[in-house]
Amino acid sequence: MDKQVRVLVEEAQRQGWVARPTKKGFLLLAPDGVGMATVHNTPSDSHWLGNVVSKMRKHGFVWPPRR
C-alpha cells in the first residue's frame, strides 16, 4: 500500500470515517452517512490525493490534518 494512501485512510478513520477494504483499495464512508470516496492501494493518477480530498471535504473531512 502506498504511504500516502495509508496516511489518508488513518486520518479519515480518526475523523470518524469508516474504511471498508475492497479488492483494490478502500471505500471510505463519511460520518454524515451520505458521502463516500474510493481510494486505490496504488493510485496511478498523479492528482489522486487532491481529487479524493476535495470530494471528502464536502462531507466534513479536514486536510491537512490538525495536530
Protein backbone atom coordinates (compact mmCIF):
# COMPACT_ATOMS: atom_id res chain seq x y z
CA MET A 1 0.00 0.00 0.00
CA ASP A 2 1.20 3.48 -0.88
CA LYS A 3 2.31 5.55 2.14
CA GLN A 4 0.04 8.48 1.24
CA VAL A 5 -2.93 6.11 0.98
CA ARG A 6 -2.19 4.73 4.44
CA VAL A 7 -1.90 8.24 5.94
CA LEU A 8 -5.16 9.34 4.29
CA VAL A 9 -7.08 6.26 5.44
CA GLU A 10 -5.75 6.52 9.00
CA GLU A 11 -6.67 10.22 9.20
CA ALA A 12 -10.12 9.55 7.76
CA GLN A 13 -10.73 6.89 10.41
CA ARG A 14 -9.53 9.28 13.12
CA GLN A 15 -12.12 11.79 11.91
CA GLY A 16 -14.93 9.25 12.07
CA TRP A 17 -14.94 7.92 8.52
CA VAL A 18 -15.42 4.17 8.04
CA ALA A 19 -12.80 2.48 5.83
CA ARG A 20 -14.04 -0.70 4.21
CA PRO A 21 -11.35 -2.69 2.40
CA THR A 22 -12.02 -3.72 -1.19
CA LYS A 23 -10.01 -5.86 -3.61
CA LYS A 24 -8.19 -2.81 -4.97
CA GLY A 25 -8.17 -0.38 -2.03
CA PHE A 26 -10.69 1.20 0.32
CA LEU A 27 -14.21 2.55 0.29
CA LEU A 28 -14.39 5.49 2.69
CA LEU A 29 -17.82 6.28 4.15
CA ALA A 30 -18.43 9.69 5.68
CA PRO A 31 -19.74 10.09 9.24
CA ASP A 32 -22.68 12.10 7.84
CA GLY A 33 -23.98 8.91 6.20
CA VAL A 34 -24.10 10.48 2.75
CA GLY A 35 -20.59 10.96 1.40
CA MET A 36 -18.21 8.31 0.17
CA ALA A 37 -14.91 8.10 -1.67
CA THR A 38 -12.79 5.30 -3.09
CA VAL A 39 -9.04 5.06 -2.77
CA HIS A 40 -6.86 2.54 -4.59
CA ASN A 41 -3.87 0.91 -2.90
CA THR A 42 -1.56 2.02 -5.72
CA PRO A 43 -3.08 5.09 -7.40
CA SER A 44 -1.82 5.76 -10.93
CA ASP A 45 -3.16 9.31 -11.32
CA SER A 46 -0.75 11.95 -10.02
CA HIS A 47 -3.68 14.11 -8.89
CA TRP A 48 -5.48 11.37 -6.94
CA LEU A 49 -4.87 12.84 -3.48
CA GLY A 50 -6.23 16.29 -4.34
CA ASN A 51 -9.26 14.78 -6.08
CA VAL A 52 -10.15 12.45 -3.20
CA VAL A 53 -9.57 15.07 -0.50
CA SER A 54 -11.71 17.58 -2.42
CA LYS A 55 -14.57 15.10 -2.54
CA MET A 56 -14.16 14.24 1.15
CA ARG A 57 -14.02 17.90 2.29
CA LYS A 58 -17.59 18.35 1.05
CA HIS A 59 -18.59 15.96 3.83
CA GLY A 60 -16.57 17.45 6.69
CA PHE A 61 -13.10 15.96 6.19
CA VAL A 62 -10.23 18.21 7.31
CA TRP A 63 -6.95 18.06 5.36
CA PRO A 64 -4.14 18.63 6.10
CA PRO A 65 -4.70 17.03 9.49
CA ARG A 66 -4.68 19.28 12.53
CA ARG A 67 -2.10 18.26 15.09
